[in-house]
Amino acid sequence: MFKGLGSIGDMAKMMKAAQEMQARMAEVQDSLARIVIMGEAGAGLVKARCTARGEITGLDIDPAILVPSEKEVVEDLIIAALKDAQAKAATRGQQEMARLTEGLGLPADFKLPF
């Protein structure tokens, strides 16, 4: 299509590849927002939900642990469940991004800017 245009044709080819990559990145970002990850603490007494992008979407606390004298324990469990959910979300996000870079023919350890 761009034969005979020399470096202009190469530039057009690179621009098209960049646009395709940008579109694929947008698709991955959208899919990360739809993937739900569960984190938990206290053997499931506290559960946190978040997206694979790390956005907290919900919290479930077993009523059995809502004893006023155990307030600090409950707070610690909530923080632990949130951290667990976010760590799992970060791992899942990295896995999804790795799939994208593989599909683009980039090295497995290639780091995208997000």
PDB file of N, CA and C in Angstrom:
ATOM      1  N   MET A   1       0.823  -1.191   0.000  1.00  0.00           N
ATOM      2  CA  MET A   1       0.000   0.000   0.000  1.00  0.00           C
ATOM      3  C   MET A   1       0.868   1.256   0.000  1.00  0.00           C
ATOM      4  N   PHE A   2       1.925   1.253   0.831  1.00  0.00           N
ATOM      5  CA  PHE A   2       2.797   2.414   0.924  1.00  0.00           C
ATOM      6  C   PHE A   2       4.129   2.165   0.233  1.00  0.00           C
ATOM      7  N   LYS A   3       4.143   1.208  -0.665  1.00  0.00           N
ATOM      8  CA  LYS A   3       5.383   0.849  -1.338  1.00  0.00           C
ATOM      9  C   LYS A   3       5.897   2.038  -2.147  1.00  0.00           C
ATOM     10  N   GLY A   4       7.198   2.224  -2.098  1.00  0.00           N
ATOM     11  CA  GLY A   4       7.795   3.310  -2.859  1.00  0.00           C
ATOM     12  C   GLY A   4       7.819   4.627  -2.118  1.00  0.00           C
ATOM     13  N   LEU A   5       7.222   4.676  -0.929  1.00  0.00           N
ATOM     14  CA  LEU A   5       7.217   5.922  -0.171  1.00  0.00           C
ATOM     15  C   LEU A   5       8.375   5.991   0.817  1.00  0.00           C
ATOM     16  N   GLY A   6       9.174   4.930   0.890  1.00  0.00           N
ATOM     17  CA  GLY A   6      10.350   4.930   1.763  1.00  0.00           C
ATOM     18  C   GLY A   6       9.995   5.115   3.219  1.00  0.00           C
ATOM     19  N   SER A   7      10.662   6.052   3.873  1.00  0.00           N
ATOM     20  CA  SER A   7      10.483   6.248   5.307  1.00  0.00           C
ATOM     21  C   SER A   7       9.086   6.750   5.670  1.00  0.00           C
ATOM     22  N   ILE A   8       8.411   7.394   4.740  1.00  0.00           N
ATOM     23  CA  ILE A   8       7.037   7.838   5.014  1.00  0.00           C
ATOM     24  C   ILE A   8       6.138   6.620   5.170  1.00  0.00           C
ATOM     25  N   GLY A   9       6.332   5.624   4.318  1.00  0.00           N
ATOM     26  CA  GLY A   9       5.556   4.385   4.428  1.00  0.00           C
ATOM     27  C   GLY A   9       5.848   3.661   5.725  1.00  0.00           C
ATOM     28  N   ASP A  10       7.122   3.643   6.142  1.00  0.00           N
ATOM     29  CA  ASP A  10       7.488   3.022   7.412  1.00  0.00           C
ATOM     30  C   ASP A  10       6.844   3.757   8.580  1.00  0.00           C
ATOM     31  N   MET A  11       6.811   5.074   8.501  1.00  0.00           N
ATOM     32  CA  MET A  11       6.207   5.887   9.558  1.00  0.00           C
ATOM     33  C   MET A  11       4.707   5.608   9.636  1.00  0.00           C
ATOM     34  N   ALA A  12       4.063   5.510   8.495  1.00  0.00           N
ATOM     35  CA  ALA A  12       2.630   5.215   8.474  1.00  0.00           C
ATOM     36  C   ALA A  12       2.362   3.839   9.071  1.00  0.00           C
ATOM     37  N   LYS A  13       3.228   2.893   8.783  1.00  0.00           N
ATOM     38  CA  LYS A  13       3.083   1.544   9.322  1.00  0.00           C
ATOM     39  C   LYS A  13       3.248   1.565  10.847  1.00  0.00           C
ATOM     40  N   MET A  14       4.221   2.320  11.328  1.00  0.00           N
ATOM     41  CA  MET A  14       4.436   2.433  12.770  1.00  0.00           C
ATOM     42  C   MET A  14       3.258   3.131  13.446  1.00  0.00           C
ATOM     43  N   MET A  15       2.719   4.147  12.817  1.00  0.00           N
ATOM     44  CA  MET A  15       1.564   4.856  13.382  1.00  0.00           C
ATOM     45  C   MET A  15       0.358   3.932  13.483  1.00  0.00           C
ATOM     46  N   LYS A  16       0.158   3.128  12.451  1.00  0.00           N
ATOM     47  CA  LYS A  16      -0.962   2.187  12.464  1.00  0.00           C
ATOM     48  C   LYS A  16      -0.775   1.167  13.584  1.00  0.00           C
ATOM     49  N   ALA A  17       0.448   0.660  13.749  1.00  0.00           N
ATOM     50  CA  ALA A  17       0.736  -0.297  14.815  1.00  0.00           C
ATOM     51  C   ALA A  17       0.514   0.342  16.188  1.00  0.00           C
ATOM     52  N   ALA A  18       0.904   1.591  16.340  1.00  0.00           N
ATOM     53  CA  ALA A  18       0.709   2.299  17.609  1.00  0.00           C
ATOM     54  C   ALA A  18      -0.778   2.475  17.908  1.00  0.00           C
ATOM     55  N   GLN A  19      -1.571   2.783  16.892  1.00  0.00           N
ATOM     56  CA  GLN A  19      -3.017   2.934  17.083  1.00  0.00           C
ATOM     57  C   GLN A  19      -3.653   1.606  17.469  1.00  0.00           C
ATOM     58  N   GLU A  20      -3.189   0.512  16.847  1.00  0.00           N
ATOM     59  CA  GLU A  20      -3.717  -0.805  17.191  1.00  0.00           C
ATOM     60  C   GLU A  20      -3.374  -1.162  18.632  1.00  0.00           C
ATOM     61  N   MET A  21      -2.151  -0.862  19.036  1.00  0.00           N
ATOM     62  CA  MET A  21      -1.739  -1.135  20.407  1.00  0.00           C
ATOM     63  C   MET A  21      -2.566  -0.308  21.382  1.00  0.00           C
ATOM     64  N   GLN A  22      -2.805   0.939  21.052  1.00  0.00           N
ATOM     65  CA  GLN A  22      -3.607   1.804  21.922  1.00  0.00           C
ATOM     66  C   GLN A  22      -5.024   1.248  22.065  1.00  0.00           C
ATOM     67  N   ALA A  23      -5.595   0.769  20.978  1.00  0.00           N
ATOM     68  CA  ALA A  23      -6.938   0.188  21.024  1.00  0.00           C
ATOM     69  C   ALA A  23      -6.948  -1.072  21.888  1.00  0.00           C
ATOM     70  N   ARG A  24      -5.923  -1.910  21.742  1.00  0.00           N
ATOM     71  CA  ARG A  24      -5.845  -3.130  22.546  1.00  0.00           C
ATOM     72  C   ARG A  24      -5.675  -2.796  24.023  1.00  0.00           C
ATOM     73  N   MET A  25      -4.869  -1.764  24.314  1.00  0.00           N
ATOM     74  CA  MET A  25      -4.683  -1.345  25.703  1.00  0.00           C
ATOM     75  C   MET A  25      -6.013  -0.888  26.310  1.00  0.00           C
ATOM     76  N   ALA A  26      -6.794  -0.146  25.541  1.00  0.00           N
ATOM     77  CA  ALA A  26      -8.101   0.312  26.032  1.00  0.00           C
ATOM     78  C   ALA A  26      -9.004  -0.879  26.320  1.00  0.00           C
ATOM     79  N   GLU A  27      -8.955  -1.890  25.464  1.00  0.00           N
ATOM     80  CA  GLU A  27      -9.755  -3.097  25.682  1.00  0.00           C
ATOM     81  C   GLU A  27      -9.328  -3.801  26.969  1.00  0.00           C
ATOM     82  N   VAL A  28      -8.015  -3.914  27.193  1.00  0.00           N
ATOM     83  CA  VAL A  28      -7.515  -4.570  28.399  1.00  0.00           C
ATOM     84  C   VAL A  28      -7.935  -3.773  29.633  1.00  0.00           C
ATOM     85  N   GLN A  29      -7.804  -2.461  29.582  1.00  0.00           N
ATOM     86  CA  GLN A  29      -8.210  -1.629  30.721  1.00  0.00           C
ATOM     87  C   GLN A  29      -9.701  -1.810  31.034  1.00  0.00           C
ATOM     88  N   ASP A  30     -10.527  -1.875  29.988  1.00  0.00           N
ATOM     89  CA  ASP A  30     -11.957  -2.102  30.189  1.00  0.00           C
ATOM     90  C   ASP A  30     -12.215  -3.465  30.812  1.00  0.00           C
ATOM     91  N   SER A  31     -11.501  -4.483  30.334  1.00  0.00           N
ATOM     92  CA  SER A  31     -11.720  -5.821  30.882  1.00  0.00           C
ATOM     93  C   SER A  31     -11.253  -5.893  32.333  1.00  0.00           C
ATOM     94  N   LEU A  32     -10.182  -5.187  32.683  1.00  0.00           N
ATOM     95  CA  LEU A  32      -9.717  -5.169  34.072  1.00  0.00           C
ATOM     96  C   LEU A  32     -10.764  -4.545  34.988  1.00  0.00           C
ATOM     97  N   ALA A  33     -11.502  -3.593  34.490  1.00  0.00           N
ATOM     98  CA  ALA A  33     -12.543  -2.946  35.297  1.00  0.00           C
ATOM     99  C   ALA A  33     -13.728  -3.886  35.535  1.00  0.00           C
ATOM    100  N   ARG A  34     -13.886  -4.908  34.684  1.00  0.00           N
ATOM    101  CA  ARG A  34     -15.000  -5.849  34.824  1.00  0.00           C
ATOM    102  C   ARG A  34     -14.639  -7.106  35.601  1.00  0.00           C
ATOM    103  N   ILE A  35     -13.360  -7.394  35.771  1.00  0.00           N
ATOM    104  CA  ILE A  35     -12.930  -8.596  36.495  1.00  0.00           C
ATOM    105  C   ILE A  35     -13.035  -8.332  37.990  1.00  0.00           C
ATOM    106  N   VAL A  36     -13.724  -9.204  38.704  1.00  0.00           N
ATOM    107  CA  VAL A  36     -13.905  -9.056  40.143  1.00  0.00           C
ATOM    108  C   VAL A  36     -12.955 -10.010  40.867  1.00  0.00           C
ATOM    109  N   ILE A  37     -12.224  -9.459  41.825  1.00  0.00           N
ATOM    110  CA  ILE A  37     -11.263 -10.208  42.623  1.00  0.00           C
ATOM    111  C   ILE A  37     -11.743 -10.195  44.074  1.00  0.00           C
ATOM    112  N   MET A  38     -11.628 -11.339  44.751  1.00  0.00           N
ATOM    113  CA  MET A  38     -12.007 -11.418  46.167  1.00  0.00           C
ATOM    114  C   MET A  38     -10.755 -11.562  47.017  1.00  0.00           C
ATOM    115  N   GLY A  39     -10.685 -10.777  48.069  1.00  0.00           N
ATOM    116  CA  GLY A  39      -9.640 -10.921  49.067  1.00  0.00           C
ATOM    117  C   GLY A  39     -10.310 -11.229  50.386  1.00  0.00           C
ATOM    118  N   GLU A  40      -9.595 -11.896  51.274  1.00  0.00           N
ATOM    119  CA  GLU A  40     -10.219 -12.220  52.554  1.00  0.00           C
ATOM    120  C   GLU A  40      -9.195 -12.232  53.674  1.00  0.00           C
ATOM    121  N   ALA A  41      -9.715 -12.187  54.883  1.00  0.00           N
ATOM    122  CA  ALA A  41      -8.883 -12.249  56.082  1.00  0.00           C
ATOM    123  C   ALA A  41      -9.686 -12.946  57.175  1.00  0.00           C
ATOM    124  N   GLY A  42      -8.975 -13.461  58.164  1.00  0.00           N
ATOM    125  CA  GLY A  42      -9.647 -14.127  59.279  1.00  0.00           C
ATOM    126  C   GLY A  42     -10.416 -15.349  58.835  1.00  0.00           C
ATOM    127  N   ALA A  43      -9.818 -16.141  57.970  1.00  0.00           N
ATOM    128  CA  ALA A  43     -10.445 -17.374  57.457  1.00  0.00           C
ATOM    129  C   ALA A  43     -11.807 -17.088  56.831  1.00  0.00           C
ATOM    130  N   GLY A  44     -11.908 -15.949  56.142  1.00  0.00           N
ATOM    131  CA  GLY A  44     -13.135 -15.615  55.434  1.00  0.00           C
ATOM    132  C   GLY A  44     -14.131 -14.808  56.242  1.00  0.00           C
ATOM    133  N   LEU A  45     -13.771 -14.414  57.457  1.00  0.00           N
ATOM    134  CA  LEU A  45     -14.698 -13.608  58.257  1.00  0.00           C
ATOM    135  C   LEU A  45     -14.877 -12.211  57.664  1.00  0.00           C
ATOM    136  N   VAL A  46     -13.847 -11.725  56.992  1.00  0.00           N
ATOM    137  CA  VAL A  46     -13.933 -10.435  56.303  1.00  0.00           C
ATOM    138  C   VAL A  46     -13.504 -10.669  54.859  1.00  0.00           C
ATOM    139  N   LYS A  47     -14.361 -10.243  53.927  1.00  0.00           N
ATOM    140  CA  LYS A  47     -14.073 -10.400  52.502  1.00  0.00           C
ATOM    141  C   LYS A  47     -14.179  -9.040  51.822  1.00  0.00           C
ATOM    142  N   ALA A  48     -13.243  -8.785  50.935  1.00  0.00           N
ATOM    143  CA  ALA A  48     -13.254  -7.535  50.181  1.00  0.00           C
ATOM    144  C   ALA A  48     -13.301  -7.872  48.698  1.00  0.00           C
ATOM    145  N   ARG A  49     -14.092  -7.100  47.958  1.00  0.00           N
ATOM    146  CA  ARG A  49     -14.173  -7.245  46.502  1.00  0.00           C
ATOM    147  C   ARG A  49     -13.549  -6.028  45.855  1.00  0.00           C
ATOM    148  N   CYS A  50     -12.819  -6.268  44.784  1.00  0.00           N
ATOM    149  CA  CYS A  50     -12.295  -5.156  44.008  1.00  0.00           C
ATOM    150  C   CYS A  50     -12.162  -5.587  42.556  1.00  0.00           C
ATOM    151  N   THR A  51     -11.972  -4.608  41.693  1.00  0.00           N
ATOM    152  CA  THR A  51     -11.753  -4.919  40.287  1.00  0.00           C
ATOM    153  C   THR A  51     -10.282  -5.267  40.107  1.00  0.00           C
ATOM    154  N   ALA A  52      -9.943  -5.830  38.959  1.00  0.00           N
ATOM    155  CA  ALA A  52      -8.549  -6.146  38.669  1.00  0.00           C
ATOM    156  C   ALA A  52      -7.717  -4.871  38.515  1.00  0.00           C
ATOM    157  N   ARG A  53      -8.369  -3.734  38.473  1.00  0.00           N
ATOM    158  CA  ARG A  53      -7.658  -2.448  38.458  1.00  0.00           C
ATOM    159  C   ARG A  53      -7.355  -1.971  39.876  1.00  0.00           C
ATOM    160  N   GLY A  54      -7.857  -2.707  40.890  1.00  0.00           N
ATOM    161  CA  GLY A  54      -7.582  -2.372  42.283  1.00  0.00           C
ATOM    162  C   GLY A  54      -8.610  -1.477  42.941  1.00  0.00           C
ATOM    163  N   GLU A  55      -9.725  -1.230  42.285  1.00  0.00           N
ATOM    164  CA  GLU A  55     -10.776  -0.376  42.849  1.00  0.00           C
ATOM    165  C   GLU A  55     -11.680  -1.208  43.755  1.00  0.00           C
ATOM    166  N   ILE A  56     -11.762  -0.846  45.027  1.00  0.00           N
ATOM    167  CA  ILE A  56     -12.586  -1.569  45.989  1.00  0.00           C
ATOM    168  C   ILE A  56     -14.056  -1.372  45.634  1.00  0.00           C
ATOM    169  N   THR A  57     -14.800  -2.485  45.538  1.00  0.00           N
ATOM    170  CA  THR A  57     -16.218  -2.402  45.171  1.00  0.00           C
ATOM    171  C   THR A  57     -17.152  -2.940  46.248  1.00  0.00           C
ATOM    172  N   GLY A  58     -16.616  -3.628  47.240  1.00  0.00           N
ATOM    173  CA  GLY A  58     -17.500  -4.144  48.268  1.00  0.00           C
ATOM    174  C   GLY A  58     -16.740  -4.739  49.441  1.00  0.00           C
ATOM    175  N   LEU A  59     -17.458  -4.889  50.543  1.00  0.00           N
ATOM    176  CA  LEU A  59     -16.890  -5.430  51.769  1.00  0.00           C
ATOM    177  C   LEU A  59     -17.964  -6.256  52.455  1.00  0.00           C
ATOM    178  N   ASP A  60     -17.599  -7.454  52.916  1.00  0.00           N
ATOM    179  CA  ASP A  60     -18.544  -8.318  53.610  1.00  0.00           C
ATOM    180  C   ASP A  60     -17.917  -8.723  54.941  1.00  0.00           C
ATOM    181  N   ILE A  61     -18.606  -8.410  56.029  1.00  0.00           N
ATOM    182  CA  ILE A  61     -18.109  -8.722  57.369  1.00  0.00           C
ATOM    183  C   ILE A  61     -19.085  -9.668  58.039  1.00  0.00           C
ATOM    184  N   ASP A  62     -18.573 -10.793  58.506  1.00  0.00           N
ATOM    185  CA  ASP A  62     -19.403 -11.760  59.226  1.00  0.00           C
ATOM    186  C   ASP A  62     -19.862 -11.099  60.527  1.00  0.00           C
ATOM    187  N   PRO A  63     -21.175 -11.048  60.783  1.00  0.00           N
ATOM    188  CA  PRO A  63     -21.692 -10.380  61.983  1.00  0.00           C
ATOM    189  C   PRO A  63     -21.161 -10.963  63.291  1.00  0.00           C
ATOM    190  N   ALA A  64     -20.686 -12.190  63.262  1.00  0.00           N
ATOM    191  CA  ALA A  64     -20.194 -12.830  64.480  1.00  0.00           C
ATOM    192  C   ALA A  64     -18.987 -12.107  65.072  1.00  0.00           C
ATOM    193  N   ILE A  65     -18.257 -11.373  64.255  1.00  0.00           N
ATOM    194  CA  ILE A  65     -17.070 -10.692  64.785  1.00  0.00           C
ATOM    195  C   ILE A  65     -17.340  -9.248  65.195  1.00  0.00           C
ATOM    196  N   LEU A  66     -18.578  -8.809  65.074  1.00  0.00           N
ATOM    197  CA  LEU A  66     -18.907  -7.421  65.423  1.00  0.00           C
ATOM    198  C   LEU A  66     -19.230  -7.292  66.906  1.00  0.00           C
ATOM    199  N   VAL A  67     -18.219  -7.517  67.695  1.00  0.00           N
ATOM    200  CA  VAL A  67     -18.318  -7.390  69.152  1.00  0.00           C
ATOM    201  C   VAL A  67     -17.536  -6.132  69.537  1.00  0.00           C
ATOM    202  N   PRO A  68     -18.164  -5.200  70.257  1.00  0.00           N
ATOM    203  CA  PRO A  68     -17.484  -3.940  70.569  1.00  0.00           C
ATOM    204  C   PRO A  68     -16.083  -4.104  71.159  1.00  0.00           C
ATOM    205  N   SER A  69     -15.876  -5.107  71.972  1.00  0.00           N
ATOM    206  CA  SER A  69     -14.556  -5.283  72.589  1.00  0.00           C
ATOM    207  C   SER A  69     -13.502  -5.760  71.581  1.00  0.00           C
ATOM    208  N   GLU A  70     -13.941  -6.212  70.413  1.00  0.00           N
ATOM    209  CA  GLU A  70     -13.035  -6.711  69.372  1.00  0.00           C
ATOM    210  C   GLU A  70     -12.875  -5.709  68.222  1.00  0.00           C
ATOM    211  N   LYS A  71     -13.171  -4.454  68.463  1.00  0.00           N
ATOM    212  CA  LYS A  71     -13.130  -3.424  67.421  1.00  0.00           C
ATOM    213  C   LYS A  71     -11.790  -3.385  66.692  1.00  0.00           C
ATOM    214  N   GLU A  72     -10.696  -3.416  67.406  1.00  0.00           N
ATOM    215  CA  GLU A  72      -9.377  -3.348  66.773  1.00  0.00           C
ATOM    216  C   GLU A  72      -9.100  -4.576  65.905  1.00  0.00           C
ATOM    217  N   VAL A  73      -9.548  -5.723  66.349  1.00  0.00           N
ATOM    218  CA  VAL A  73      -9.361  -6.951  65.564  1.00  0.00           C
ATOM    219  C   VAL A  73     -10.133  -6.843  64.251  1.00  0.00           C
ATOM    220  N   VAL A  74     -11.359  -6.360  64.330  1.00  0.00           N
ATOM    221  CA  VAL A  74     -12.180  -6.197  63.125  1.00  0.00           C
ATOM    222  C   VAL A  74     -11.519  -5.213  62.169  1.00  0.00           C
ATOM    223  N   GLU A  75     -11.022  -4.106  62.676  1.00  0.00           N
ATOM    224  CA  GLU A  75     -10.345  -3.123  61.831  1.00  0.00           C
ATOM    225  C   GLU A  75      -9.128  -3.737  61.146  1.00  0.00           C
ATOM    226  N   ASP A  76      -8.350  -4.511  61.902  1.00  0.00           N
ATOM    227  CA  ASP A  76      -7.177  -5.173  61.326  1.00  0.00           C
ATOM    228  C   ASP A  76      -7.575  -6.165  60.234  1.00  0.00           C
ATOM    229  N   LEU A  77      -8.650  -6.897  60.470  1.00  0.00           N
ATOM    230  CA  LEU A  77      -9.117  -7.864  59.469  1.00  0.00           C
ATOM    231  C   LEU A  77      -9.600  -7.157  58.204  1.00  0.00           C
ATOM    232  N   ILE A  78     -10.263  -6.031  58.365  1.00  0.00           N
ATOM    233  CA  ILE A  78     -10.730  -5.263  57.202  1.00  0.00           C
ATOM    234  C   ILE A  78      -9.524  -4.800  56.378  1.00  0.00           C
ATOM    235  N   ILE A  79      -8.539  -4.249  57.042  1.00  0.00           N
ATOM    236  CA  ILE A  79      -7.341  -3.785  56.325  1.00  0.00           C
ATOM    237  C   ILE A  79      -6.650  -4.952  55.631  1.00  0.00           C
ATOM    238  N   ALA A  80      -6.544  -6.077  56.315  1.00  0.00           N
ATOM    239  CA  ALA A  80      -5.896  -7.256  55.720  1.00  0.00           C
ATOM    240  C   ALA A  80      -6.660  -7.756  54.504  1.00  0.00           C
ATOM    241  N   ALA A  81      -7.983  -7.772  54.580  1.00  0.00           N
ATOM    242  CA  ALA A  81      -8.799  -8.233  53.443  1.00  0.00           C
ATOM    243  C   ALA A  81      -8.652  -7.277  52.260  1.00  0.00           C
ATOM    244  N   LEU A  82      -8.632  -5.979  52.522  1.00  0.00           N
ATOM    245  CA  LEU A  82      -8.457  -4.999  51.455  1.00  0.00           C
ATOM    246  C   LEU A  82      -7.093  -5.150  50.793  1.00  0.00           C
ATOM    247  N   LYS A  83      -6.055  -5.330  51.591  1.00  0.00           N
ATOM    248  CA  LYS A  83      -4.713  -5.516  51.042  1.00  0.00           C
ATOM    249  C   LYS A  83      -4.628  -6.800  50.228  1.00  0.00           C
ATOM    250  N   ASP A  84      -5.272  -7.852  50.707  1.00  0.00           N
ATOM    251  CA  ASP A  84      -5.271  -9.124  49.986  1.00  0.00           C
ATOM    252  C   ASP A  84      -5.955  -8.965  48.632  1.00  0.00           C
ATOM    253  N   ALA A  85      -7.100  -8.300  48.619  1.00  0.00           N
ATOM    254  CA  ALA A  85      -7.828  -8.088  47.360  1.00  0.00           C
ATOM    255  C   ALA A  85      -6.998  -7.252  46.391  1.00  0.00           C
ATOM    256  N   GLN A  86      -6.381  -6.197  46.884  1.00  0.00           N
ATOM    257  CA  GLN A  86      -5.591  -5.338  46.007  1.00  0.00           C
ATOM    258  C   GLN A  86      -4.338  -6.045  45.496  1.00  0.00           C
ATOM    259  N   ALA A  87      -3.711  -6.875  46.322  1.00  0.00           N
ATOM    260  CA  ALA A  87      -2.534  -7.622  45.866  1.00  0.00           C
ATOM    261  C   ALA A  87      -2.929  -8.618  44.774  1.00  0.00           C
ATOM    262  N   LYS A  88      -4.049  -9.301  44.978  1.00  0.00           N
ATOM    263  CA  LYS A  88      -4.528 -10.236  43.956  1.00  0.00           C
ATOM    264  C   LYS A  88      -4.908  -9.492  42.679  1.00  0.00           C
ATOM    265  N   ALA A  89      -5.489  -8.309  42.828  1.00  0.00           N
ATOM    266  CA  ALA A  89      -5.859  -7.506  41.661  1.00  0.00           C
ATOM    267  C   ALA A  89      -4.613  -7.079  40.887  1.00  0.00           C
ATOM    268  N   ALA A  90      -3.571  -6.684  41.599  1.00  0.00           N
ATOM    269  CA  ALA A  90      -2.326  -6.275  40.934  1.00  0.00           C
ATOM    270  C   ALA A  90      -1.728  -7.441  40.155  1.00  0.00           C
ATOM    271  N   THR A  91      -1.748  -8.616  40.754  1.00  0.00           N
ATOM    272  CA  THR A  91      -1.225  -9.805  40.070  1.00  0.00           C
ATOM    273  C   THR A  91      -2.042 -10.106  38.831  1.00  0.00           C
ATOM    274  N   ARG A  92      -3.349 -10.049  38.950  1.00  0.00           N
ATOM    275  CA  ARG A  92      -4.219 -10.331  37.798  1.00  0.00           C
ATOM    276  C   ARG A  92      -4.012  -9.291  36.701  1.00  0.00           C
ATOM    277  N   GLY A  93      -3.886  -8.038  37.095  1.00  0.00           N
ATOM    278  CA  GLY A  93      -3.642  -6.976  36.120  1.00  0.00           C
ATOM    279  C   GLY A  93      -2.342  -7.199  35.373  1.00  0.00           C
ATOM    280  N   GLN A  94      -1.302  -7.615  36.080  1.00  0.00           N
ATOM    281  CA  GLN A  94      -0.015  -7.899  35.445  1.00  0.00           C
ATOM    282  C   GLN A  94      -0.137  -9.071  34.470  1.00  0.00           C
ATOM    283  N   GLN A  95      -0.915 -10.082  34.851  1.00  0.00           N
ATOM    284  CA  GLN A  95      -1.118 -11.232  33.964  1.00  0.00           C
ATOM    285  C   GLN A  95      -1.824 -10.810  32.681  1.00  0.00           C
ATOM    286  N   GLU A  96      -2.839  -9.975  32.823  1.00  0.00           N
ATOM    287  CA  GLU A  96      -3.578  -9.517  31.644  1.00  0.00           C
ATOM    288  C   GLU A  96      -2.691  -8.661  30.738  1.00  0.00           C
ATOM    289  N   MET A  97      -1.870  -7.816  31.328  1.00  0.00           N
ATOM    290  CA  MET A  97      -0.972  -6.976  30.535  1.00  0.00           C
ATOM    291  C   MET A  97       0.090  -7.832  29.844  1.00  0.00           C
ATOM    292  N   ALA A  98       0.543  -8.889  30.521  1.00  0.00           N
ATOM    293  CA  ALA A  98       1.527  -9.788  29.910  1.00  0.00           C
ATOM    294  C   ALA A  98       0.930 -10.464  28.684  1.00  0.00           C
ATOM    295  N   ARG A  99      -0.342 -10.827  28.772  1.00  0.00           N
ATOM    296  CA  ARG A  99      -1.011 -11.427  27.611  1.00  0.00           C
ATOM    297  C   ARG A  99      -1.046 -10.444  26.455  1.00  0.00           C
ATOM    298  N   LEU A 100      -1.261  -9.171  26.759  1.00  0.00           N
ATOM    299  CA  LEU A 100      -1.298  -8.151  25.719  1.00  0.00           C
ATOM    300  C   LEU A 100       0.067  -8.010  25.051  1.00  0.00           C
ATOM    301  N   THR A 101       1.124  -7.926  25.857  1.00  0.00           N
ATOM    302  CA  THR A 101       2.451  -7.751  25.273  1.00  0.00           C
ATOM    303  C   THR A 101       2.861  -8.966  24.459  1.00  0.00           C
ATOM    304  N   GLU A 102       2.476 -10.170  24.896  1.00  0.00           N
ATOM    305  CA  GLU A 102       2.766 -11.383  24.116  1.00  0.00           C
ATOM    306  C   GLU A 102       2.071 -11.318  22.770  1.00  0.00           C
ATOM    307  N   GLY A 103       0.821 -10.874  22.774  1.00  0.00           N
ATOM    308  CA  GLY A 103       0.045 -10.771  21.545  1.00  0.00           C
ATOM    309  C   GLY A 103       0.620  -9.767  20.568  1.00  0.00           C
ATOM    310  N   LEU A 104       1.367  -8.804  21.087  1.00  0.00           N
ATOM    311  CA  LEU A 104       1.975  -7.786  20.236  1.00  0.00           C
ATOM    312  C   LEU A 104       3.386  -8.172  19.805  1.00  0.00           C
ATOM    313  N   GLY A 105       3.852  -9.335  20.291  1.00  0.00           N
ATOM    314  CA  GLY A 105       5.191  -9.777  19.933  1.00  0.00           C
ATOM    315  C   GLY A 105       6.283  -9.067  20.708  1.00  0.00           C
ATOM    316  N   LEU A 106       5.938  -8.476  21.836  1.00  0.00           N
ATOM    317  CA  LEU A 106       6.927  -7.791  22.666  1.00  0.00           C
ATOM    318  C   LEU A 106       7.544  -8.786  23.635  1.00  0.00           C
ATOM    319  N   PRO A 107       8.745  -8.507  24.139  1.00  0.00           N
ATOM    320  CA  PRO A 107       9.373  -9.414  25.105  1.00  0.00           C
ATOM    321  C   PRO A 107       8.500  -9.573  26.359  1.00  0.00           C
ATOM    322  N   ALA A 108       8.580 -10.735  26.991  1.00  0.00           N
ATOM    323  CA  ALA A 108       7.745 -11.037  28.167  1.00  0.00           C
ATOM    324  C   ALA A 108       7.980 -10.055  29.314  1.00  0.00           C
ATOM    325  N   ASP A 109       9.210  -9.525  29.439  1.00  0.00           N
ATOM    326  CA  ASP A 109       9.504  -8.614  30.547  1.00  0.00           C
ATOM    327  C   ASP A 109       9.335  -7.147  30.152  1.00  0.00           C
ATOM    328  N   PHE A 110       8.720  -6.882  28.999  1.00  0.00           N
ATOM    329  CA  PHE A 110       8.501  -5.503  28.539  1.00  0.00           C
ATOM    330  C   PHE A 110       7.495  -4.831  29.461  1.00  0.00           C
ATOM    331  N   LYS A 111       7.831  -3.668  29.969  1.00  0.00           N
ATOM    332  CA  LYS A 111       6.959  -2.931  30.887  1.00  0.00           C
ATOM    333  C   LYS A 111       6.275  -1.794  30.145  1.00  0.00           C
ATOM    334  N   LEU A 112       4.942  -1.829  30.170  1.00  0.00           N
ATOM    335  CA  LEU A 112       4.177  -0.741  29.587  1.00  0.00           C
ATOM    336  C   LEU A 112       4.073   0.373  30.622  1.00  0.00           C
ATOM    337  N   PRO A 113       3.802   1.593  30.187  1.00  0.00           N
ATOM    338  CA  PRO A 113       3.834   2.725  31.122  1.00  0.00           C
ATOM    339  C   PRO A 113       2.673   2.823  32.074  1.00  0.00           C
ATOM    340  N   PHE A 114       1.865   1.789  32.267  1.00  0.00           N
ATOM    341  CA  PHE A 114       0.793   1.884  33.259  1.00  0.00           C
ATOM    342  C   PHE A 114       0.701   0.651  34.076  1.00  0.00           C
TER     343      PHE A 114
END
